[in-house]
């Protein structure tokens, strides 16, 4: 099962990523000023997944990616994929597992394994 992972960027803003069960990033959110914003959007995604659409595109380097959209607002941008089939597998992973995925909070920057 996938997981939503909340973390802090170097500019002290928050973001979340959705990862596959193998730990590979599927998509990344934009930056948010408050961690609460990340948590709210994650819960919205989990409870209303059918409302979101995926805008597929191709980067200048020829790789494929998608933007997860709610109406006209970009909620997240995927990683780059080498083929359209892999891109579709990423979208399918979201559809299958996002609603029941765990939310992990690594925004505190505390060491999991202290000395």
N, C-alpha and C. Protein backbone atom coordinates (compact mmCIF):
# COMPACT_ATOMS: atom_id res chain seq x y z
N UNK A 1 0.85 -1.18 0.00
CA UNK A 1 0.00 0.00 0.00
C UNK A 1 0.89 1.24 0.00
N UNK A 2 0.46 2.28 -0.66
CA UNK A 2 1.20 3.53 -0.73
C UNK A 2 1.11 4.31 0.57
N UNK A 3 1.79 5.44 0.61
CA UNK A 3 1.78 6.30 1.80
C UNK A 3 1.93 7.76 1.38
N UNK A 4 1.27 8.62 2.13
CA UNK A 4 1.47 10.06 1.99
C UNK A 4 2.52 10.45 3.01
N UNK A 5 3.56 11.14 2.58
CA UNK A 5 4.66 11.51 3.47
C UNK A 5 4.77 13.03 3.50
N UNK A 6 4.56 13.60 4.69
CA UNK A 6 4.67 15.05 4.87
C UNK A 6 6.09 15.35 5.33
N UNK A 7 6.71 16.35 4.70
CA UNK A 7 8.06 16.75 5.10
C UNK A 7 8.20 18.26 4.95
N UNK A 8 9.33 18.76 5.42
CA UNK A 8 9.60 20.18 5.36
C UNK A 8 10.66 20.45 4.31
N UNK A 9 10.46 21.47 3.51
CA UNK A 9 11.46 21.86 2.53
C UNK A 9 12.52 22.71 3.22
N UNK A 10 13.59 23.03 2.50
CA UNK A 10 14.66 23.83 3.08
C UNK A 10 14.21 25.25 3.42
N UNK A 11 13.17 25.75 2.77
CA UNK A 11 12.68 27.10 3.04
C UNK A 11 11.61 27.13 4.15
N UNK A 12 11.54 26.05 4.94
CA UNK A 12 10.60 25.91 6.06
C UNK A 12 9.14 25.84 5.64
N UNK A 13 8.88 25.53 4.39
CA UNK A 13 7.52 25.30 3.93
C UNK A 13 7.30 23.79 3.88
N UNK A 14 6.04 23.38 3.86
CA UNK A 14 5.70 21.96 3.91
C UNK A 14 5.29 21.45 2.54
N UNK A 15 5.47 20.16 2.33
CA UNK A 15 5.03 19.49 1.12
C UNK A 15 4.65 18.06 1.50
N UNK A 16 3.97 17.37 0.59
CA UNK A 16 3.75 15.95 0.79
C UNK A 16 4.00 15.24 -0.52
N UNK A 17 4.39 13.99 -0.40
CA UNK A 17 4.56 13.14 -1.57
C UNK A 17 3.70 11.91 -1.36
N UNK A 18 3.28 11.31 -2.45
CA UNK A 18 2.61 10.02 -2.39
C UNK A 18 3.57 8.99 -2.94
N UNK A 19 3.85 7.96 -2.16
CA UNK A 19 4.82 6.95 -2.57
C UNK A 19 4.13 5.61 -2.77
N UNK A 20 4.69 4.80 -3.65
CA UNK A 20 4.18 3.46 -3.89
C UNK A 20 4.57 2.56 -2.72
N UNK A 21 4.06 1.36 -2.74
CA UNK A 21 4.40 0.41 -1.66
C UNK A 21 5.88 0.06 -1.66
N UNK A 22 6.55 0.28 -2.78
CA UNK A 22 7.99 0.03 -2.88
C UNK A 22 8.81 1.26 -2.48
N UNK A 23 8.14 2.36 -2.13
CA UNK A 23 8.84 3.56 -1.68
C UNK A 23 9.19 4.54 -2.79
N UNK A 24 8.72 4.30 -3.99
CA UNK A 24 9.01 5.18 -5.13
C UNK A 24 8.00 6.33 -5.14
N UNK A 25 8.49 7.55 -5.30
CA UNK A 25 7.60 8.72 -5.33
C UNK A 25 6.74 8.67 -6.59
N UNK A 26 5.43 8.86 -6.41
CA UNK A 26 4.51 8.92 -7.55
C UNK A 26 4.19 10.37 -7.87
N UNK A 27 3.85 11.17 -6.84
CA UNK A 27 3.65 12.59 -7.08
C UNK A 27 4.08 13.41 -5.88
N UNK A 28 4.30 14.71 -6.13
CA UNK A 28 4.73 15.66 -5.11
C UNK A 28 3.80 16.86 -5.15
N UNK A 29 3.45 17.35 -3.99
CA UNK A 29 2.57 18.52 -3.89
C UNK A 29 3.38 19.81 -4.05
N UNK A 30 2.69 20.92 -4.27
CA UNK A 30 3.38 22.22 -4.19
C UNK A 30 3.72 22.52 -2.71
N UNK A 31 4.40 23.61 -2.47
CA UNK A 31 4.75 24.01 -1.10
C UNK A 31 3.57 24.67 -0.40
N UNK A 32 3.51 24.47 0.91
CA UNK A 32 2.47 25.08 1.74
C UNK A 32 3.12 25.74 2.94
N UNK A 33 2.52 26.82 3.40
CA UNK A 33 3.06 27.53 4.55
C UNK A 33 2.82 26.77 5.85
N UNK A 34 1.67 26.09 5.95
CA UNK A 34 1.29 25.38 7.17
C UNK A 34 1.16 23.88 6.93
N UNK A 35 1.59 23.10 7.91
CA UNK A 35 1.47 21.64 7.82
C UNK A 35 0.00 21.24 7.76
N UNK A 36 -0.85 22.00 8.43
CA UNK A 36 -2.28 21.72 8.45
C UNK A 36 -2.86 21.71 7.03
N UNK A 37 -2.34 22.56 6.15
CA UNK A 37 -2.80 22.60 4.76
C UNK A 37 -2.52 21.27 4.06
N UNK A 38 -1.34 20.72 4.29
CA UNK A 38 -1.00 19.41 3.73
C UNK A 38 -1.97 18.34 4.23
N UNK A 39 -2.19 18.33 5.53
CA UNK A 39 -3.07 17.33 6.13
C UNK A 39 -4.49 17.43 5.57
N UNK A 40 -4.99 18.65 5.40
CA UNK A 40 -6.33 18.84 4.86
C UNK A 40 -6.44 18.34 3.42
N UNK A 41 -5.46 18.66 2.60
CA UNK A 41 -5.50 18.23 1.20
C UNK A 41 -5.37 16.71 1.10
N UNK A 42 -4.52 16.12 1.92
CA UNK A 42 -4.38 14.66 1.91
C UNK A 42 -5.72 14.01 2.25
N UNK A 43 -6.39 14.50 3.29
CA UNK A 43 -7.69 13.93 3.67
C UNK A 43 -8.72 14.13 2.56
N UNK A 44 -8.66 15.27 1.89
CA UNK A 44 -9.57 15.54 0.77
C UNK A 44 -9.32 14.56 -0.37
N UNK A 45 -8.06 14.31 -0.68
CA UNK A 45 -7.71 13.34 -1.72
C UNK A 45 -8.22 11.96 -1.34
N UNK A 46 -7.93 11.54 -0.11
CA UNK A 46 -8.32 10.20 0.33
C UNK A 46 -9.83 9.98 0.30
N UNK A 47 -10.60 11.00 0.67
CA UNK A 47 -12.05 10.82 0.76
C UNK A 47 -12.80 11.13 -0.53
N UNK A 48 -12.20 11.86 -1.45
CA UNK A 48 -12.90 12.24 -2.69
C UNK A 48 -12.04 12.00 -3.92
N UNK A 49 -11.40 10.88 -4.00
CA UNK A 49 -10.46 10.57 -5.07
C UNK A 49 -11.09 10.66 -6.46
N UNK A 50 -12.37 10.34 -6.55
CA UNK A 50 -13.05 10.35 -7.86
C UNK A 50 -13.21 11.75 -8.44
N UNK A 51 -13.06 12.80 -7.64
CA UNK A 51 -13.20 14.18 -8.11
C UNK A 51 -11.98 14.67 -8.89
N UNK A 52 -10.86 13.98 -8.75
CA UNK A 52 -9.60 14.45 -9.32
C UNK A 52 -9.41 13.92 -10.73
N UNK A 53 -8.79 14.75 -11.55
CA UNK A 53 -8.46 14.33 -12.92
C UNK A 53 -6.95 14.39 -13.09
N UNK A 54 -6.48 13.76 -14.16
CA UNK A 54 -5.04 13.68 -14.42
C UNK A 54 -4.76 14.25 -15.81
N UNK A 55 -3.98 15.29 -15.85
CA UNK A 55 -3.59 15.91 -17.10
C UNK A 55 -2.22 15.34 -17.48
N UNK A 56 -2.21 14.51 -18.52
CA UNK A 56 -0.96 13.87 -18.96
C UNK A 56 -0.21 14.81 -19.89
N UNK A 57 1.12 14.79 -19.77
CA UNK A 57 1.95 15.68 -20.60
C UNK A 57 3.30 15.02 -20.85
N UNK A 58 4.05 15.66 -21.72
CA UNK A 58 5.39 15.17 -22.05
C UNK A 58 6.38 16.31 -21.87
N UNK A 59 7.46 16.04 -21.15
CA UNK A 59 8.48 17.05 -20.87
C UNK A 59 9.37 17.25 -22.10
N UNK A 60 10.15 18.31 -22.08
CA UNK A 60 11.06 18.62 -23.19
C UNK A 60 12.07 17.51 -23.45
N UNK A 61 12.41 16.75 -22.40
CA UNK A 61 13.38 15.66 -22.56
C UNK A 61 12.73 14.36 -23.05
N UNK A 62 11.42 14.41 -23.35
CA UNK A 62 10.73 13.25 -23.89
C UNK A 62 10.08 12.36 -22.86
N UNK A 63 10.27 12.65 -21.58
CA UNK A 63 9.67 11.82 -20.53
C UNK A 63 8.24 12.27 -20.28
N UNK A 64 7.46 11.37 -19.69
CA UNK A 64 6.04 11.59 -19.46
C UNK A 64 5.78 11.92 -17.99
N UNK A 65 4.79 12.76 -17.74
CA UNK A 65 4.38 13.07 -16.37
C UNK A 65 2.91 13.46 -16.40
N UNK A 66 2.31 13.57 -15.20
CA UNK A 66 0.93 14.02 -15.12
C UNK A 66 0.79 15.04 -14.00
N UNK A 67 -0.25 15.83 -14.10
CA UNK A 67 -0.62 16.75 -13.04
C UNK A 67 -1.96 16.30 -12.50
N UNK A 68 -2.04 16.14 -11.20
CA UNK A 68 -3.29 15.77 -10.54
C UNK A 68 -4.05 17.07 -10.29
N UNK A 69 -5.27 17.14 -10.83
CA UNK A 69 -6.01 18.39 -10.83
C UNK A 69 -7.37 18.23 -10.14
N UNK A 70 -7.79 19.30 -9.49
CA UNK A 70 -9.15 19.43 -8.98
C UNK A 70 -9.70 20.68 -9.65
N UNK A 71 -10.59 20.46 -10.60
CA UNK A 71 -11.09 21.52 -11.48
C UNK A 71 -9.89 22.13 -12.21
N UNK A 72 -9.54 23.38 -11.99
CA UNK A 72 -8.41 24.00 -12.69
C UNK A 72 -7.17 24.13 -11.80
N UNK A 73 -7.22 23.60 -10.60
CA UNK A 73 -6.12 23.76 -9.64
C UNK A 73 -5.23 22.53 -9.65
N UNK A 74 -3.92 22.75 -9.78
CA UNK A 74 -2.95 21.66 -9.74
C UNK A 74 -2.70 21.29 -8.27
N UNK A 75 -3.02 20.06 -7.93
CA UNK A 75 -2.85 19.57 -6.56
C UNK A 75 -1.47 18.94 -6.38
N UNK A 76 -0.98 18.27 -7.44
CA UNK A 76 0.32 17.60 -7.37
C UNK A 76 0.85 17.35 -8.77
N UNK A 77 2.16 17.16 -8.86
CA UNK A 77 2.81 16.84 -10.13
C UNK A 77 3.59 15.54 -9.95
N UNK A 78 3.47 14.65 -10.91
CA UNK A 78 4.12 13.35 -10.81
C UNK A 78 5.61 13.42 -11.09
N UNK A 79 6.26 12.33 -10.80
CA UNK A 79 7.64 12.18 -11.21
C UNK A 79 7.64 11.94 -12.72
N UNK A 80 8.80 11.89 -13.33
CA UNK A 80 8.91 11.65 -14.77
C UNK A 80 8.95 10.15 -15.04
N UNK A 81 8.24 9.72 -16.07
CA UNK A 81 8.19 8.32 -16.48
C UNK A 81 8.77 8.17 -17.88
N UNK A 82 9.35 7.02 -18.16
CA UNK A 82 9.98 6.81 -19.47
C UNK A 82 8.98 6.39 -20.54
N UNK A 83 7.85 5.79 -20.15
CA UNK A 83 6.86 5.34 -21.14
C UNK A 83 5.45 5.72 -20.69
N UNK A 84 4.52 5.82 -21.63
CA UNK A 84 3.12 6.08 -21.26
C UNK A 84 2.53 4.97 -20.39
N UNK A 85 2.98 3.73 -20.58
CA UNK A 85 2.48 2.62 -19.78
C UNK A 85 2.86 2.78 -18.31
N UNK A 86 4.10 3.17 -18.06
CA UNK A 86 4.53 3.39 -16.67
C UNK A 86 3.78 4.57 -16.05
N UNK A 87 3.52 5.60 -16.83
CA UNK A 87 2.74 6.74 -16.36
C UNK A 87 1.35 6.27 -15.93
N UNK A 88 0.72 5.45 -16.76
CA UNK A 88 -0.62 4.94 -16.43
C UNK A 88 -0.59 4.06 -15.18
N UNK A 89 0.48 3.30 -15.01
CA UNK A 89 0.62 2.47 -13.81
C UNK A 89 0.69 3.34 -12.55
N UNK A 90 1.35 4.49 -12.65
CA UNK A 90 1.41 5.43 -11.53
C UNK A 90 0.03 5.94 -11.17
N UNK A 91 -0.75 6.30 -12.18
CA UNK A 91 -2.13 6.77 -11.96
C UNK A 91 -2.98 5.65 -11.37
N UNK A 92 -2.81 4.43 -11.87
CA UNK A 92 -3.57 3.29 -11.35
C UNK A 92 -3.23 3.01 -9.89
N UNK A 93 -1.96 3.20 -9.53
CA UNK A 93 -1.53 3.01 -8.13
C UNK A 93 -2.28 3.98 -7.21
N UNK A 94 -2.43 5.21 -7.66
CA UNK A 94 -3.18 6.20 -6.88
C UNK A 94 -4.62 5.74 -6.70
N UNK A 95 -5.25 5.34 -7.79
CA UNK A 95 -6.65 4.91 -7.74
C UNK A 95 -6.86 3.72 -6.82
N UNK A 96 -5.91 2.78 -6.83
CA UNK A 96 -6.04 1.56 -6.03
C UNK A 96 -5.75 1.78 -4.55
N UNK A 97 -4.76 2.61 -4.22
CA UNK A 97 -4.27 2.61 -2.84
C UNK A 97 -4.38 3.92 -2.07
N UNK A 98 -4.61 5.05 -2.73
CA UNK A 98 -4.57 6.34 -2.03
C UNK A 98 -5.60 6.44 -0.91
N UNK A 99 -6.80 5.95 -1.14
CA UNK A 99 -7.87 6.09 -0.14
C UNK A 99 -7.55 5.40 1.18
N UNK A 100 -6.79 4.31 1.13
CA UNK A 100 -6.49 3.58 2.37
C UNK A 100 -5.03 3.71 2.80
N UNK A 101 -4.31 4.64 2.22
CA UNK A 101 -2.89 4.82 2.53
C UNK A 101 -2.68 5.53 3.86
N UNK A 102 -1.57 5.23 4.49
CA UNK A 102 -1.20 5.88 5.74
C UNK A 102 -0.63 7.27 5.46
N UNK A 103 -0.66 8.11 6.49
CA UNK A 103 -0.03 9.43 6.42
C UNK A 103 1.13 9.43 7.40
N UNK A 104 2.33 9.66 6.88
CA UNK A 104 3.54 9.69 7.70
C UNK A 104 4.03 11.13 7.78
N UNK A 105 4.35 11.57 8.98
CA UNK A 105 4.79 12.95 9.19
C UNK A 105 6.27 12.98 9.56
N UNK A 106 7.10 13.41 8.59
CA UNK A 106 8.54 13.54 8.84
C UNK A 106 8.94 15.00 8.86
N UNK A 107 8.02 15.88 9.19
CA UNK A 107 8.30 17.31 9.14
C UNK A 107 9.05 17.84 10.35
N UNK A 108 9.16 17.06 11.38
CA UNK A 108 9.82 17.53 12.61
C UNK A 108 11.33 17.50 12.51
N UNK A 109 11.88 16.84 11.47
CA UNK A 109 13.32 16.73 11.25
C UNK A 109 14.04 16.12 12.45
N UNK A 110 13.38 15.23 13.14
CA UNK A 110 14.02 14.53 14.26
C UNK A 110 14.60 13.23 13.74
N UNK A 111 15.72 12.83 14.30
CA UNK A 111 16.34 11.58 13.88
C UNK A 111 15.51 10.41 14.40
N UNK A 112 15.24 9.47 13.52
CA UNK A 112 14.49 8.29 13.91
C UNK A 112 15.36 7.38 14.77
N UNK A 113 16.66 7.33 14.44
CA UNK A 113 17.59 6.49 15.16
C UNK A 113 18.64 7.38 15.84
N UNK A 114 18.35 7.88 17.04
CA UNK A 114 19.32 8.75 17.72
C UNK A 114 20.58 7.98 18.08
N UNK A 115 21.67 8.72 18.29
CA UNK A 115 22.95 8.09 18.65
C UNK A 115 22.87 7.34 19.96
